N, C-alpha and C. Protein backbone atom coordinates (compact mmCIF):
# COMPACT_ATOMS: atom_id res chain seq x y z
N MET A 1 74.45 79.04 80.61
CA MET A 1 75.75 80.17 81.14
C MET A 1 76.75 79.74 80.53
N ARG A 2 77.02 80.09 80.05
CA ARG A 2 78.82 80.54 79.20
C ARG A 2 80.16 80.84 80.25
N LEU A 3 80.72 80.40 80.20
CA LEU A 3 81.89 80.69 80.39
C LEU A 3 83.49 81.08 79.48
N VAL A 4 84.35 81.38 79.94
CA VAL A 4 85.48 81.75 79.19
C VAL A 4 86.24 81.73 80.56
N ILE A 5 87.52 80.78 80.54
CA ILE A 5 88.17 80.32 81.45
C ILE A 5 89.23 80.49 81.21
N GLN A 6 90.23 81.22 81.68
CA GLN A 6 91.53 82.20 81.09
C GLN A 6 92.83 81.12 82.29
N ARG A 7 93.61 80.03 82.27
CA ARG A 7 94.55 79.76 83.17
C ARG A 7 95.65 81.38 82.35
N VAL A 8 96.54 81.25 84.61
CA VAL A 8 97.09 82.67 84.35
C VAL A 8 97.92 82.74 85.13
N SER A 9 98.93 83.68 85.81
CA SER A 9 99.99 83.31 85.68
C SER A 9 99.81 84.49 87.25
N GLU A 10 98.57 85.09 86.52
CA GLU A 10 98.04 86.90 87.50
C GLU A 10 96.95 87.08 86.85
N ALA A 11 96.25 87.43 88.06
CA ALA A 11 95.30 88.66 87.33
C ALA A 11 94.22 88.99 88.48
N SER A 12 93.51 90.51 87.82
CA SER A 12 92.99 90.91 89.15
C SER A 12 91.25 91.92 88.62
N VAL A 13 91.25 92.10 89.12
CA VAL A 13 90.65 93.29 88.81
C VAL A 13 90.49 94.62 89.80
N THR A 14 91.07 95.63 88.87
CA THR A 14 90.20 97.28 89.06
C THR A 14 88.38 97.68 88.99
N ILE A 15 88.34 98.34 90.33
CA ILE A 15 87.29 98.95 89.53
C ILE A 15 87.65 100.86 90.77
N GLU A 16 87.39 101.82 89.60
CA GLU A 16 87.74 103.25 90.74
C GLU A 16 88.86 103.58 91.25
N GLY A 17 89.93 102.54 90.13
CA GLY A 17 91.30 102.71 90.51
C GLY A 17 91.62 101.70 91.71
N LYS A 18 90.87 101.43 92.23
CA LYS A 18 90.84 100.31 93.29
C LYS A 18 90.66 98.67 92.86
N ILE A 19 92.08 97.97 93.97
CA ILE A 19 92.30 96.73 93.36
C ILE A 19 90.36 96.00 94.27
N LYS A 20 89.43 95.28 93.93
CA LYS A 20 89.12 95.04 94.17
C LYS A 20 89.55 92.96 94.50
N SER A 21 90.11 92.59 93.37
CA SER A 21 90.99 91.06 93.94
C SER A 21 91.79 90.73 93.25
N ALA A 22 92.79 90.26 93.25
CA ALA A 22 93.68 88.98 92.59
C ALA A 22 94.24 87.83 92.91
N ILE A 23 94.46 87.23 92.14
CA ILE A 23 95.65 85.79 92.29
C ILE A 23 96.39 86.07 91.21
N GLU A 24 97.11 84.73 91.87
CA GLU A 24 98.14 84.66 91.61
C GLU A 24 97.96 83.65 90.62
N THR A 25 98.87 82.29 90.48
CA THR A 25 97.99 81.44 88.84
C THR A 25 96.96 80.81 90.02
N GLY A 26 96.30 80.41 88.57
CA GLY A 26 94.34 79.59 88.69
C GLY A 26 94.27 79.93 87.88
N LEU A 27 92.57 80.31 88.07
CA LEU A 27 91.72 80.03 86.87
C LEU A 27 91.05 81.86 86.37
N LEU A 28 91.24 82.65 86.01
CA LEU A 28 90.60 83.77 85.46
C LEU A 28 89.35 83.38 84.60
N ILE A 29 87.94 83.34 85.22
CA ILE A 29 86.74 82.45 84.92
C ILE A 29 85.82 84.16 84.45
N LEU A 30 85.18 84.21 83.70
CA LEU A 30 84.27 85.29 83.19
C LEU A 30 83.23 84.52 82.59
N VAL A 31 81.75 84.89 82.94
CA VAL A 31 80.55 84.18 83.43
C VAL A 31 79.55 84.76 82.36
N GLY A 32 78.64 85.02 81.18
CA GLY A 32 77.45 85.42 80.73
C GLY A 32 76.69 84.68 81.31
N ILE A 33 75.12 84.98 81.41
CA ILE A 33 74.09 84.16 82.18
C ILE A 33 72.92 84.90 81.30
N GLU A 34 71.97 84.16 80.79
CA GLU A 34 70.82 83.97 80.30
C GLU A 34 70.10 83.33 81.48
N ASP A 35 68.44 83.86 80.81
CA ASP A 35 67.61 83.34 81.39
C ASP A 35 66.64 81.83 81.13
N ALA A 36 67.41 81.12 80.61
CA ALA A 36 67.06 79.72 80.75
C ALA A 36 68.37 79.04 81.55
N ASP A 37 68.97 80.33 82.16
CA ASP A 37 69.86 79.05 83.38
C ASP A 37 69.59 78.93 84.57
N THR A 38 70.37 77.60 85.07
CA THR A 38 69.07 76.72 86.07
C THR A 38 70.33 76.70 87.60
N THR A 39 69.88 76.23 88.30
CA THR A 39 70.96 75.83 89.24
C THR A 39 71.32 74.33 88.85
N GLU A 40 71.36 73.92 87.76
CA GLU A 40 72.13 72.67 87.08
C GLU A 40 72.67 73.49 86.18
N ASP A 41 72.75 73.85 85.48
CA ASP A 41 73.65 74.67 84.98
C ASP A 41 74.89 74.99 86.16
N ILE A 42 74.39 75.55 86.90
CA ILE A 42 76.09 76.22 87.69
C ILE A 42 76.61 74.93 88.46
N ASP A 43 76.16 74.01 88.92
CA ASP A 43 76.86 73.07 89.02
C ASP A 43 76.96 72.12 88.36
N TRP A 44 76.89 71.79 87.03
CA TRP A 44 77.70 71.62 86.28
C TRP A 44 79.03 71.94 85.98
N LEU A 45 79.38 73.72 85.92
CA LEU A 45 80.18 74.50 85.27
C LEU A 45 80.92 75.00 86.21
N CYS A 46 80.80 74.36 87.37
CA CYS A 46 81.06 74.57 88.97
C CYS A 46 82.88 73.31 88.98
N ASN A 47 81.39 71.97 88.78
CA ASN A 47 82.29 70.46 88.03
C ASN A 47 83.41 70.83 87.39
N LYS A 48 83.48 71.51 85.81
CA LYS A 48 83.75 71.45 85.12
C LYS A 48 84.92 72.01 85.54
N VAL A 49 84.62 73.52 85.84
CA VAL A 49 85.55 74.28 86.24
C VAL A 49 86.93 73.64 87.58
N ILE A 50 86.16 72.90 88.73
CA ILE A 50 87.56 72.70 89.22
C ILE A 50 88.23 71.54 88.63
N ASN A 51 87.66 70.85 87.95
CA ASN A 51 88.35 69.18 87.76
C ASN A 51 89.17 69.40 86.07
N LEU A 52 88.52 70.85 85.39
CA LEU A 52 88.99 70.93 84.11
C LEU A 52 90.85 70.89 84.78
N ARG A 53 91.39 69.49 83.77
CA ARG A 53 93.04 68.98 84.17
C ARG A 53 93.58 70.19 82.57
N ILE A 54 94.08 71.94 82.99
CA ILE A 54 94.76 72.05 82.00
C ILE A 54 95.60 73.12 83.15
N PHE A 55 96.65 72.45 83.89
CA PHE A 55 97.53 72.89 84.30
C PHE A 55 98.65 71.56 84.41
N PRO A 56 100.46 71.91 84.55
CA PRO A 56 100.71 71.40 83.75
C PRO A 56 101.33 70.07 84.98
N ASP A 57 100.89 69.84 85.00
CA ASP A 57 102.42 68.07 86.20
C ASP A 57 103.62 68.13 85.71
N GLU A 58 104.47 67.08 85.85
CA GLU A 58 106.34 67.20 86.37
C GLU A 58 106.11 67.23 84.65
N ASN A 59 105.92 66.07 83.73
CA ASN A 59 106.02 66.24 82.33
C ASN A 59 105.85 67.30 82.15
N GLY A 60 105.44 68.23 82.24
CA GLY A 60 104.82 70.05 81.34
C GLY A 60 103.72 69.18 80.63
N VAL A 61 102.87 67.92 81.18
CA VAL A 61 101.49 68.34 80.22
C VAL A 61 100.09 67.79 80.92
N MET A 62 99.57 68.44 80.17
CA MET A 62 98.20 69.67 81.04
C MET A 62 97.48 68.61 81.38
N ASN A 63 98.29 68.15 82.68
CA ASN A 63 97.45 67.02 83.57
C ASN A 63 96.20 67.45 85.07
N ARG A 64 96.71 68.40 85.47
CA ARG A 64 96.21 69.13 86.79
C ARG A 64 95.43 69.81 87.05
N SER A 65 95.15 69.68 88.39
CA SER A 65 93.10 70.30 88.09
C SER A 65 94.16 71.86 88.42
N VAL A 66 93.18 73.43 88.51
CA VAL A 66 93.77 74.04 89.83
C VAL A 66 93.94 74.09 91.21
N LEU A 67 92.57 72.67 91.72
CA LEU A 67 92.87 72.15 93.05
C LEU A 67 94.62 71.64 93.17
N GLU A 68 94.94 70.78 92.12
CA GLU A 68 95.94 69.67 91.83
C GLU A 68 97.17 71.04 92.00
N ALA A 69 96.97 71.89 90.80
CA ALA A 69 97.42 72.82 91.19
C ALA A 69 97.83 74.56 92.61
N GLN A 70 97.05 74.52 93.13
CA GLN A 70 97.28 75.01 94.62
C GLN A 70 96.41 76.57 93.96
N GLY A 71 95.44 76.46 92.54
CA GLY A 71 96.39 77.99 92.03
C GLY A 71 94.67 78.73 93.16
N GLY A 72 94.52 79.65 92.63
CA GLY A 72 93.53 80.83 92.55
C GLY A 72 91.94 81.11 92.33
N LEU A 73 91.40 81.35 92.14
CA LEU A 73 90.09 81.16 91.53
C LEU A 73 90.03 82.96 91.43
N LEU A 74 88.98 83.97 90.22
CA LEU A 74 88.46 85.12 89.99
C LEU A 74 87.55 84.63 88.77
N VAL A 75 86.80 85.02 89.76
CA VAL A 75 85.04 85.71 88.76
C VAL A 75 84.46 86.63 88.19
N VAL A 76 84.63 86.56 86.67
CA VAL A 76 84.02 88.19 86.70
C VAL A 76 83.25 88.15 85.38
N SER A 77 81.89 88.50 86.14
CA SER A 77 80.54 88.74 85.06
C SER A 77 80.97 89.58 83.72
N GLN A 78 80.63 88.87 82.54
CA GLN A 78 80.76 89.15 81.74
C GLN A 78 79.37 89.16 80.77
N PHE A 79 78.45 89.77 80.59
CA PHE A 79 77.07 89.81 79.46
C PHE A 79 77.85 90.24 78.18
N THR A 80 78.61 90.82 77.73
CA THR A 80 78.90 90.29 76.20
C THR A 80 78.80 89.13 75.96
N LEU A 81 78.97 87.68 76.98
CA LEU A 81 79.59 86.59 76.48
C LEU A 81 78.43 86.19 75.82
N HIS A 82 77.28 86.49 75.89
CA HIS A 82 75.81 86.49 75.58
C HIS A 82 75.55 87.63 74.09
N ALA A 83 76.54 88.34 73.45
CA ALA A 83 76.22 88.79 72.26
C ALA A 83 75.82 87.81 71.02
N SER A 84 74.81 88.81 69.87
CA SER A 84 74.40 87.98 69.13
C SER A 84 75.27 88.75 67.79
N THR A 85 75.94 88.12 66.71
CA THR A 85 76.10 90.10 65.76
C THR A 85 75.42 89.08 64.20
N LYS A 86 74.30 88.28 64.45
CA LYS A 86 74.23 87.93 63.86
C LYS A 86 73.62 89.25 62.08
N LYS A 87 73.29 90.26 62.96
CA LYS A 87 72.75 91.38 61.77
C LYS A 87 74.33 92.69 61.75
N GLY A 88 74.16 93.33 61.49
CA GLY A 88 74.42 94.54 61.42
C GLY A 88 76.26 94.54 62.35
N ASN A 89 76.65 95.54 62.13
CA ASN A 89 78.22 95.46 63.14
C ASN A 89 77.78 95.43 64.75
N ARG A 90 76.48 96.21 65.53
CA ARG A 90 75.88 96.46 66.82
C ARG A 90 76.14 95.38 67.45
N PRO A 91 76.36 94.88 68.24
CA PRO A 91 76.20 93.36 68.89
C PRO A 91 74.83 93.49 69.61
N SER A 92 73.96 92.38 69.42
CA SER A 92 72.53 92.58 70.38
C SER A 92 73.28 91.74 71.40
N TYR A 93 72.43 92.27 72.68
CA TYR A 93 72.78 91.75 74.08
C TYR A 93 71.44 90.58 74.29
N ILE A 94 70.66 90.89 73.90
CA ILE A 94 69.45 89.95 74.25
C ILE A 94 68.87 89.05 74.62
N ARG A 95 70.28 87.77 75.30
CA ARG A 95 69.57 86.90 75.34
C ARG A 95 70.69 87.18 76.99
N ALA A 96 71.49 87.94 77.44
CA ALA A 96 72.37 88.27 78.40
C ALA A 96 71.24 89.18 79.34
N SER A 97 71.46 87.83 80.37
CA SER A 97 69.99 88.06 81.74
C SER A 97 69.91 90.14 81.44
N LYS A 98 68.91 90.48 82.08
CA LYS A 98 68.93 91.29 83.33
C LYS A 98 69.60 91.59 84.74
N PRO A 99 69.64 92.58 85.52
CA PRO A 99 70.23 91.88 86.66
C PRO A 99 69.87 91.34 87.80
N ASP A 100 67.97 91.53 87.25
CA ASP A 100 66.87 91.10 88.76
C ASP A 100 67.67 89.40 88.70
N PHE A 101 67.33 88.85 87.65
CA PHE A 101 68.43 87.36 87.10
C PHE A 101 69.53 86.83 86.96
N ALA A 102 69.95 87.98 86.69
CA ALA A 102 71.65 87.40 86.35
C ALA A 102 72.68 87.90 88.27
N ILE A 103 72.47 88.42 88.33
CA ILE A 103 72.86 88.59 89.82
C ILE A 103 72.83 87.76 90.77
N PRO A 104 71.07 87.12 91.01
CA PRO A 104 71.48 85.63 91.83
C PRO A 104 72.48 84.77 91.58
N MET A 105 71.99 84.74 89.75
CA MET A 105 72.53 82.83 89.89
C MET A 105 74.21 83.25 89.51
N TYR A 106 74.73 84.82 89.58
CA TYR A 106 75.78 84.78 89.21
C TYR A 106 76.23 84.30 91.09
N GLU A 107 76.26 84.98 91.93
CA GLU A 107 76.70 84.71 93.10
C GLU A 107 76.07 83.43 93.85
N ALA A 108 75.15 82.66 92.72
CA ALA A 108 75.48 81.24 93.48
C ALA A 108 76.42 80.60 93.04
N PHE A 109 77.17 80.89 91.94
CA PHE A 109 78.13 79.83 90.71
C PHE A 109 78.82 80.19 91.84
N VAL A 110 79.29 81.42 92.20
CA VAL A 110 80.40 81.67 93.02
C VAL A 110 80.88 80.84 94.53
N GLN A 111 79.40 80.79 95.07
CA GLN A 111 79.22 80.33 96.16
C GLN A 111 79.57 78.76 95.94
N LYS A 112 79.29 78.46 94.57
CA LYS A 112 79.17 76.83 95.32
C LYS A 112 80.59 76.99 94.20
N LEU A 113 80.87 77.49 92.92
CA LEU A 113 81.98 76.98 93.54
C LEU A 113 83.96 77.21 94.42
N GLU A 114 83.43 78.15 95.38
CA GLU A 114 83.80 78.41 96.88
C GLU A 114 83.79 77.85 97.54
N ALA A 115 82.83 76.29 97.73
CA ALA A 115 82.23 74.98 97.87
C ALA A 115 82.85 73.67 98.30
N LEU A 116 82.65 73.76 96.68
CA LEU A 116 83.10 72.40 95.98
C LEU A 116 84.73 72.27 96.12
N SER A 117 85.27 73.59 95.98
CA SER A 117 86.83 73.88 95.55
C SER A 117 87.79 74.30 97.38
N GLY A 118 87.07 74.34 97.60
CA GLY A 118 87.44 74.82 98.77
C GLY A 118 88.41 75.96 98.84
N ILE A 119 88.61 76.65 97.72
CA ILE A 119 89.32 78.08 97.88
C ILE A 119 89.00 79.16 97.72
N PRO A 120 89.08 80.35 98.48
CA PRO A 120 88.27 81.62 98.36
C PRO A 120 87.95 82.38 96.68
N VAL A 121 87.08 82.31 96.41
CA VAL A 121 86.62 83.04 95.05
C VAL A 121 86.63 84.55 95.14
N GLY A 122 87.71 85.26 94.51
CA GLY A 122 87.83 86.40 93.90
C GLY A 122 86.63 87.34 93.35
N THR A 123 86.51 88.42 93.83
CA THR A 123 85.67 88.75 92.51
C THR A 123 85.67 89.77 91.54
N GLY A 124 84.74 89.88 90.39
CA GLY A 124 84.64 91.28 90.09
C GLY A 124 83.67 91.93 91.11
N GLU A 125 82.84 93.16 90.39
CA GLU A 125 81.59 93.45 90.63
C GLU A 125 80.69 93.73 89.68
N PHE A 126 79.27 93.56 89.54
CA PHE A 126 78.44 92.86 89.03
C PHE A 126 78.26 94.29 88.59
N GLY A 127 78.07 94.27 87.37
CA GLY A 127 77.56 95.66 86.55
C GLY A 127 78.84 96.92 87.13
N ALA A 128 79.80 96.54 87.89
CA ALA A 128 80.40 97.90 87.48
C ALA A 128 81.30 98.00 86.78
N ASP A 129 82.08 99.23 86.82
CA ASP A 129 82.91 99.73 85.21
C ASP A 129 84.37 99.06 85.74
N MET A 130 84.60 97.41 85.34
CA MET A 130 86.35 97.05 85.64
C MET A 130 87.15 97.19 85.21
N LYS A 131 88.33 97.39 85.16
CA LYS A 131 89.28 97.17 84.55
C LYS A 131 89.98 95.88 84.84
N VAL A 132 90.24 94.57 83.68
CA VAL A 132 90.26 93.00 84.18
C VAL A 132 91.94 93.04 83.93
N ARG A 133 92.95 92.69 84.03
CA ARG A 133 94.43 93.34 83.78
C ARG A 133 94.38 91.30 84.20
N LEU A 134 94.87 90.35 83.06
CA LEU A 134 96.22 88.90 84.07
C LEU A 134 96.99 88.63 82.41
N LEU A 135 97.47 87.92 83.07
CA LEU A 135 98.54 87.34 82.27
C LEU A 135 98.10 86.10 81.47
N ASN A 136 97.70 85.94 80.16
CA ASN A 136 97.57 84.05 80.39
C ASN A 136 99.08 84.20 79.64
N ASP A 137 98.43 82.83 80.65
CA ASP A 137 99.74 81.30 81.19
C ASP A 137 98.90 80.16 80.00
N GLY A 138 100.33 80.02 78.50
CA GLY A 138 99.80 79.28 77.58
C GLY A 138 100.37 80.10 76.35
N PRO A 139 99.48 79.90 75.96
CA PRO A 139 98.23 80.59 76.58
C PRO A 139 96.79 79.55 76.42
N VAL A 140 96.29 79.57 77.65
CA VAL A 140 95.45 78.70 77.30
C VAL A 140 94.22 79.84 77.84
N THR A 141 93.41 79.55 76.93
CA THR A 141 91.63 80.07 76.65
C THR A 141 90.35 78.47 76.83
N ILE A 142 89.04 78.26 77.43
CA ILE A 142 88.97 77.45 76.75
C ILE A 142 87.64 78.67 76.88
N LEU A 143 86.74 78.23 76.67
CA LEU A 143 85.14 78.30 76.24
C LEU A 143 84.38 77.49 76.85
N ILE A 144 83.11 77.16 77.51
CA ILE A 144 82.29 76.53 78.79
C ILE A 144 80.84 77.07 78.13
N ASP A 145 79.88 76.47 77.74
CA ASP A 145 78.61 76.54 77.41
C ASP A 145 77.92 75.67 77.61
N SER A 146 77.06 75.67 78.69
CA SER A 146 76.50 74.55 79.57
C SER A 146 74.86 74.48 79.07
N LYS A 147 74.88 75.65 77.39
CA LYS A 147 73.98 73.91 77.10
C LYS A 147 73.84 73.57 75.79
N ASN A 148 75.59 73.32 75.80
CA ASN A 148 76.55 72.03 75.04
C ASN A 148 77.16 71.60 75.59
N LYS A 149 76.68 70.27 76.27
CA LYS A 149 77.31 69.29 77.21
C LYS A 149 77.11 68.27 76.89
N GLU A 150 76.70 68.56 75.40
CA GLU A 150 77.09 67.16 74.54
C GLU A 150 78.18 67.18 73.30
């Protein structure tokens, strides 16, 4: 499972001209799922996300988690995180899971994140044509792949 985590001042997901979810200060989390992912990947990543110290403390040092910063969480599925660009110029998405596997994993990720954080988690809509708007704060962008824990 791959995540792109962006610390934002604001973020939203719009589908067919209507805002589905929006947050102010917090984390926009893009999630890519592959067939090798398990509930252990979800647990590990959710713990990482809520404990990442990437929000400034009173001295301006990145030393607070999203919980300590009282930030929001917005999770958007993004199969393109598993793009392979090794051959040619057209990315291959063969490692990205199909919806029958990816949707339950995405939903489990969102539920686990909500349970651990106690924060309502905003979402996009799996498979929809989404317009994601964000104001990256910092900018701070973190990449995490559960297959590279060490």
